[in-house]
């Protein structure tokens, strides 16, 4: 196995998530909410890991961040660089991708990744769950969206040198994907790849447009529609939803508690698809007695 080449490909791919430069012009409304209860005030922003050139967060969002006592994200900015290292450690020693997907799917991936993923000798050691994530980033780039301009990177730059807080450890995020059995990983990858590229790019652009409109429930509906379009089996869709969304939503809300102090507003930034639905972050906060207002 070309270990050095494999590590190089993944590090270049992943480091784009932890470097960014801000541009001019303001973005759309975005899913931005205020939660209040007994003097506790939480500002919640649904984030996307990609963005467009020339679009910044709304000025009032930036001002709210500057007045907040804490910036709390899924993973703290201090631990973000370790995400790449942790993912790189999950490469397979064997040719796992070849055994996880059909020969036809592997050949299709070889054509797609010949220039971007180092060729077959590298690709065969990338597990299916990781390949799915990489394809989503590649498609986002083709749709005109850049990981270098994701919401988290803008927030970190606006926050400056102050420490941030994380609701998860990098290992927990990665384990959520890596712990799926091979059959689920295979279905996730093959169903996504079965969608024509034009349709995948259209769905990605639609996600960005809904995110800009600021409607958390519409984002959740998009997530459900995406599962339907991929034609995932009900069993696989349920497993993905439980492990990647529902259980993490509960974790976010539970781990948020120590930071909630009366009179000290906090700013929370988590993936936009975690906010909506009857088991989303906003619904879980309502269950705890918080009043939620769109900003």
Protein backbone atom coordinates (compact mmCIF):
# COMPACT_ATOMS: atom_id res chain seq x y z
CA UNK A 1 0.00 0.00 0.00
CA UNK A 2 1.23 3.50 -0.78
CA UNK A 3 0.91 4.71 2.82
CA UNK A 4 2.58 8.07 2.27
CA UNK A 5 0.41 8.80 -0.76
CA UNK A 6 -2.73 7.74 1.09
CA UNK A 7 -1.95 9.96 4.06
CA UNK A 8 -1.11 12.86 1.77
CA UNK A 9 -4.40 12.58 -0.13
CA UNK A 10 -6.45 12.49 3.06
CA UNK A 11 -4.58 15.27 4.81
CA UNK A 12 -5.00 17.61 1.85
CA UNK A 13 -8.68 16.68 1.64
CA UNK A 14 -9.32 17.17 5.36
CA UNK A 15 -7.24 20.24 6.08
CA UNK A 16 -9.55 22.27 3.86
CA UNK A 17 -12.01 22.08 6.80
CA UNK A 18 -9.71 23.89 9.20
CA UNK A 19 -8.50 26.81 7.11
CA UNK A 20 -10.50 29.72 5.73
CA UNK A 21 -10.36 33.37 4.77
CA UNK A 22 -13.27 35.78 5.06
CA UNK A 23 -14.64 37.74 2.12
CA UNK A 24 -17.11 40.62 1.72
CA UNK A 25 -20.93 40.69 1.37
CA UNK A 26 -23.60 39.40 3.70
CA UNK A 27 -25.28 35.99 3.50
CA UNK A 28 -28.98 35.16 3.75
CA UNK A 29 -31.24 34.84 6.77
CA UNK A 30 -29.85 31.49 8.01
CA UNK A 31 -31.38 29.23 10.71
CA UNK A 32 -30.70 31.46 13.73
CA UNK A 33 -32.75 31.12 16.91
CA UNK A 34 -32.95 32.43 20.46
CA UNK A 35 -33.91 30.12 23.35
CA UNK A 36 -34.94 31.58 26.74
CA UNK A 37 -35.83 30.06 30.09
CA UNK A 38 -35.62 31.57 33.61
CA UNK A 39 -32.99 34.13 32.68
CA UNK A 40 -30.95 31.67 30.59
CA UNK A 41 -30.36 32.85 27.02
CA UNK A 42 -29.01 30.70 24.19
CA UNK A 43 -28.40 31.85 20.63
CA UNK A 44 -28.43 28.88 18.24
CA UNK A 45 -27.07 28.96 14.70
CA UNK A 46 -27.50 26.04 12.32
CA UNK A 47 -24.25 25.69 10.40
CA UNK A 48 -23.12 24.26 7.07
CA UNK A 49 -19.61 22.94 6.52
CA UNK A 50 -19.50 24.65 3.11
CA UNK A 51 -20.11 28.17 1.86
CA UNK A 52 -19.97 30.44 -1.16
CA UNK A 53 -17.32 32.92 -2.13
CA UNK A 54 -18.29 36.43 -1.11
CA UNK A 55 -20.95 35.55 1.48
CA UNK A 56 -20.54 36.32 5.17
CA UNK A 57 -22.74 35.82 8.21
CA UNK A 58 -25.38 38.47 8.79
CA UNK A 59 -24.09 41.45 10.75
CA UNK A 60 -26.57 40.91 13.59
CA UNK A 61 -25.37 37.31 13.98
CA UNK A 62 -21.78 38.53 14.22
CA UNK A 63 -22.82 41.16 16.77
CA UNK A 64 -24.69 38.59 18.84
CA UNK A 65 -21.59 36.39 18.83
CA UNK A 66 -19.44 39.26 20.07
CA UNK A 67 -21.80 39.79 23.05
CA UNK A 68 -21.90 36.11 24.02
CA UNK A 69 -19.92 34.62 26.91
CA UNK A 70 -19.17 31.33 25.13
CA UNK A 71 -18.89 29.99 21.59
CA UNK A 72 -19.95 26.34 21.73
CA UNK A 73 -19.65 24.15 18.64
CA UNK A 74 -19.88 20.45 17.85
CA UNK A 75 -16.09 20.22 18.19
CA UNK A 76 -14.03 22.99 19.74
CA UNK A 77 -11.75 24.94 17.40
CA UNK A 78 -8.77 23.77 19.43
CA UNK A 79 -9.61 20.13 18.63
CA UNK A 80 -10.57 20.56 14.97
CA UNK A 81 -7.05 19.78 13.66
CA UNK A 82 -7.22 16.40 15.40
CA UNK A 83 -10.28 15.46 13.34
CA UNK A 84 -8.03 15.04 10.30
CA UNK A 85 -5.51 13.01 12.25
CA UNK A 86 -8.20 10.80 13.75
CA UNK A 87 -9.77 10.16 10.35
CA UNK A 88 -6.40 9.36 8.81
CA UNK A 89 -5.93 6.72 11.50
CA UNK A 90 -9.09 4.94 10.29
CA UNK A 91 -7.63 3.82 6.96
CA UNK A 92 -7.87 0.08 6.45
CA UNK A 93 -4.82 -2.16 6.44
CA UNK A 94 -6.56 -4.39 3.93
CA UNK A 95 -8.36 -3.41 0.73
CA UNK A 96 -11.60 -2.80 2.63
CA UNK A 97 -13.39 -0.74 0.00
CA UNK A 98 -13.12 -3.60 -2.50
CA UNK A 99 -14.86 -5.97 -0.10
CA UNK A 100 -17.41 -3.41 1.13
CA UNK A 101 -18.81 -2.48 -2.29
CA UNK A 102 -19.59 -4.31 -5.49
CA UNK A 103 -16.94 -4.52 -8.27
CA UNK A 104 -19.12 -2.26 -10.44
CA UNK A 105 -19.27 0.38 -7.69
CA UNK A 106 -15.53 0.19 -7.10
CA UNK A 107 -14.86 0.66 -10.81
CA UNK A 108 -17.20 3.65 -10.86
CA UNK A 109 -15.39 5.14 -7.86
CA UNK A 110 -12.06 4.53 -9.57
CA UNK A 111 -13.15 6.65 -12.51
CA UNK A 112 -14.44 9.41 -10.23
CA UNK A 113 -11.38 9.43 -7.98
CA UNK A 114 -8.61 8.80 -10.45
CA UNK A 115 -7.40 12.41 -10.25
CA UNK A 116 -8.74 13.50 -6.85
CA UNK A 117 -8.33 10.43 -4.63
CA UNK A 118 -4.98 8.99 -5.68
CA UNK A 119 -6.13 6.10 -7.86
CA UNK A 120 -7.09 2.51 -7.01
CA UNK A 121 -4.00 1.72 -4.93
CA UNK A 122 -4.99 4.45 -2.50
CA UNK A 123 -8.77 4.25 -2.73
CA UNK A 124 -9.08 0.58 -1.84
CA UNK A 125 -7.88 1.36 1.70
CA UNK A 126 -10.53 4.03 2.30
CA UNK A 127 -13.56 2.59 4.16
CA UNK A 128 -16.97 3.08 2.59
CA UNK A 129 -18.22 5.48 5.29
CA UNK A 130 -15.24 7.75 4.67
CA UNK A 131 -15.64 7.53 0.91
CA UNK A 132 -19.27 8.68 1.28
CA UNK A 133 -18.12 11.76 3.19
CA UNK A 134 -15.43 12.52 0.64
CA UNK A 135 -17.88 12.25 -2.26
CA UNK A 136 -20.24 14.68 -0.53
CA UNK A 137 -17.44 17.24 -0.25
CA UNK A 138 -16.41 16.70 -3.87
CA UNK A 139 -20.02 17.19 -5.00
CA UNK A 140 -20.33 20.34 -2.87
CA UNK A 141 -17.25 21.76 -4.61
CA UNK A 142 -18.72 20.94 -8.01
CA UNK A 143 -21.92 22.72 -6.93
CA UNK A 144 -19.90 25.88 -6.26
CA UNK A 145 -19.62 25.47 -2.48
CA UNK A 146 -16.31 25.51 -0.65
CA UNK A 147 -15.39 23.76 2.64
CA UNK A 148 -12.95 26.62 3.22
CA UNK A 149 -15.90 28.99 3.61
CA UNK A 150 -17.99 26.92 6.00
CA UNK A 151 -19.91 28.58 8.83
CA UNK A 152 -17.66 27.27 11.60
CA UNK A 153 -14.59 28.83 10.07
CA UNK A 154 -16.25 32.23 9.90
CA UNK A 155 -17.36 31.96 13.53
CA UNK A 156 -13.86 31.01 14.68
CA UNK A 157 -12.32 33.98 12.90
CA UNK A 158 -14.91 36.35 14.36
CA UNK A 159 -14.39 34.88 17.85
CA UNK A 160 -10.67 35.52 17.69
CA UNK A 161 -8.18 34.04 20.14
CA UNK A 162 -10.73 33.24 22.83
CA UNK A 163 -11.19 29.52 23.62
CA UNK A 164 -14.23 27.71 22.26
CA UNK A 165 -16.16 24.78 23.73
CA UNK A 166 -17.11 21.48 22.10
CA UNK A 167 -20.18 19.32 22.61
CA UNK A 168 -18.39 16.27 21.18
CA UNK A 169 -14.90 14.88 20.92
CA UNK A 170 -13.54 14.32 17.40
CA UNK A 171 -13.42 10.58 18.07
CA UNK A 172 -17.12 10.58 18.92
CA UNK A 173 -18.02 12.26 15.65
CA UNK A 174 -15.95 9.83 13.62
CA UNK A 175 -17.11 6.77 15.57
CA UNK A 176 -20.71 7.64 14.70
CA UNK A 177 -19.87 6.90 11.05
CA UNK A 178 -17.11 4.33 11.41
CA UNK A 179 -19.12 2.04 13.70
CA UNK A 180 -21.75 1.18 11.08
CA UNK A 181 -21.59 -2.42 9.95
CA UNK A 182 -20.32 -3.07 6.43
CA UNK A 183 -23.81 -3.66 5.01
CA UNK A 184 -24.96 -0.19 6.12
CA UNK A 185 -21.79 1.48 4.88
CA UNK A 186 -22.21 -0.24 1.53
CA UNK A 187 -25.83 0.83 1.18
CA UNK A 188 -25.04 4.42 2.17
CA UNK A 189 -22.32 4.68 -0.45
CA UNK A 190 -23.97 2.78 -3.28
CA UNK A 191 -27.35 4.50 -2.91
CA UNK A 192 -25.70 7.93 -2.93
CA UNK A 193 -23.59 7.03 -5.93
CA UNK A 194 -26.62 5.63 -7.77
CA UNK A 195 -28.10 9.12 -7.96
CA UNK A 196 -27.05 10.85 -11.19
CA UNK A 197 -24.40 13.48 -10.54
CA UNK A 198 -26.64 16.27 -11.83
CA UNK A 199 -29.30 15.27 -9.31
CA UNK A 200 -26.80 15.10 -6.44
CA UNK A 201 -25.54 18.58 -7.28
CA UNK A 202 -29.09 19.91 -7.55
CA UNK A 203 -29.94 18.51 -4.12
CA UNK A 204 -26.78 20.06 -2.66
CA UNK A 205 -27.65 23.47 -4.12
CA UNK A 206 -31.20 23.14 -2.78
CA UNK A 207 -29.84 22.40 0.68
CA UNK A 208 -27.77 25.58 0.54
CA UNK A 209 -30.76 27.65 -0.61
CA UNK A 210 -32.97 26.31 2.20
CA UNK A 211 -30.20 26.96 4.72
CA UNK A 212 -29.97 30.55 3.54
CA UNK A 213 -33.75 30.94 3.96
CA UNK A 214 -33.34 30.12 7.65
CA UNK A 215 -36.07 27.47 8.01
CA UNK A 216 -34.96 24.62 10.31
CA UNK A 217 -38.04 22.53 9.59
CA UNK A 218 -37.55 22.85 5.83
CA UNK A 219 -33.96 21.67 6.32
CA UNK A 220 -35.19 18.61 8.21
CA UNK A 221 -37.70 17.91 5.42
CA UNK A 222 -34.82 18.12 2.91
CA UNK A 223 -32.91 15.54 4.94
CA UNK A 224 -35.88 13.17 4.84
CA UNK A 225 -36.35 13.73 1.10
CA UNK A 226 -32.67 12.98 0.53
CA UNK A 227 -33.09 9.60 2.23
CA UNK A 228 -36.08 8.89 0.00
CA UNK A 229 -34.27 9.90 -3.18
CA UNK A 230 -31.33 7.68 -2.32
CA UNK A 231 -33.82 4.79 -1.90
CA UNK A 232 -32.28 3.66 1.36
CA UNK A 233 -33.99 0.70 2.98
CA UNK A 234 -36.15 1.61 5.97
CA UNK A 235 -33.81 -0.32 8.28
CA UNK A 236 -30.69 1.51 7.07
CA UNK A 237 -32.43 4.90 7.11
CA UNK A 238 -33.53 4.25 10.70
CA UNK A 239 -30.01 3.28 11.80
CA UNK A 240 -28.47 6.33 10.14
CA UNK A 241 -31.06 8.66 11.63
CA UNK A 242 -30.64 7.25 15.13
CA UNK A 243 -26.84 7.23 15.18
CA UNK A 244 -26.00 10.36 13.19
CA UNK A 245 -28.88 12.63 14.15
CA UNK A 246 -31.16 11.64 17.04
CA UNK A 247 -28.57 10.35 19.51
CA UNK A 248 -26.25 13.26 18.77
CA UNK A 249 -29.07 15.78 19.23
CA UNK A 250 -29.64 14.40 22.72
CA UNK A 251 -25.91 14.52 23.41
CA UNK A 252 -25.70 18.15 22.31
CA UNK A 253 -28.54 19.29 24.57
CA UNK A 254 -27.33 17.28 27.56
CA UNK A 255 -23.75 18.56 27.29
CA UNK A 256 -24.93 22.11 26.85
CA UNK A 257 -26.28 22.27 30.41
CA UNK A 258 -23.04 23.18 32.27
CA UNK A 259 -22.68 26.33 30.13
CA UNK A 260 -26.17 27.67 30.83
CA UNK A 261 -25.91 30.43 33.43
CA UNK A 262 -28.50 33.09 34.09
CA UNK A 263 -27.44 36.46 32.71
CA UNK A 264 -24.64 35.06 30.55
CA UNK A 265 -25.84 34.38 26.99
CA UNK A 266 -24.08 31.63 25.07
CA UNK A 267 -23.75 31.14 21.32
CA UNK A 268 -24.25 27.58 20.07
CA UNK A 269 -23.36 26.49 16.54
CA UNK A 270 -24.30 22.97 15.42
CA UNK A 271 -25.06 21.42 12.05
CA UNK A 272 -28.23 22.87 10.56
CA UNK A 273 -29.79 19.43 10.02
CA UNK A 274 -29.73 18.87 13.80
CA UNK A 275 -32.17 21.70 14.58
CA UNK A 276 -35.51 20.68 13.08
CA UNK A 277 -37.89 17.75 13.51
CA UNK A 278 -39.65 16.43 16.59
CA UNK A 279 -36.36 15.07 17.94
CA UNK A 280 -34.22 18.01 16.86
CA UNK A 281 -32.28 20.33 19.13
CA UNK A 282 -35.00 22.99 19.09
CA UNK A 283 -37.73 20.47 20.01
CA UNK A 284 -35.58 19.02 22.81
CA UNK A 285 -35.03 22.49 24.26
CA UNK A 286 -38.77 23.20 24.08
CA UNK A 287 -39.36 19.99 26.05
CA UNK A 288 -37.11 21.44 28.76
CA UNK A 289 -39.24 24.56 28.97
CA UNK A 290 -37.32 26.91 26.68
CA UNK A 291 -39.21 29.33 24.46
CA UNK A 292 -37.75 29.40 20.94
CA UNK A 293 -37.82 32.48 18.69
CA UNK A 294 -36.47 32.75 15.15
CA UNK A 295 -34.13 35.71 14.85
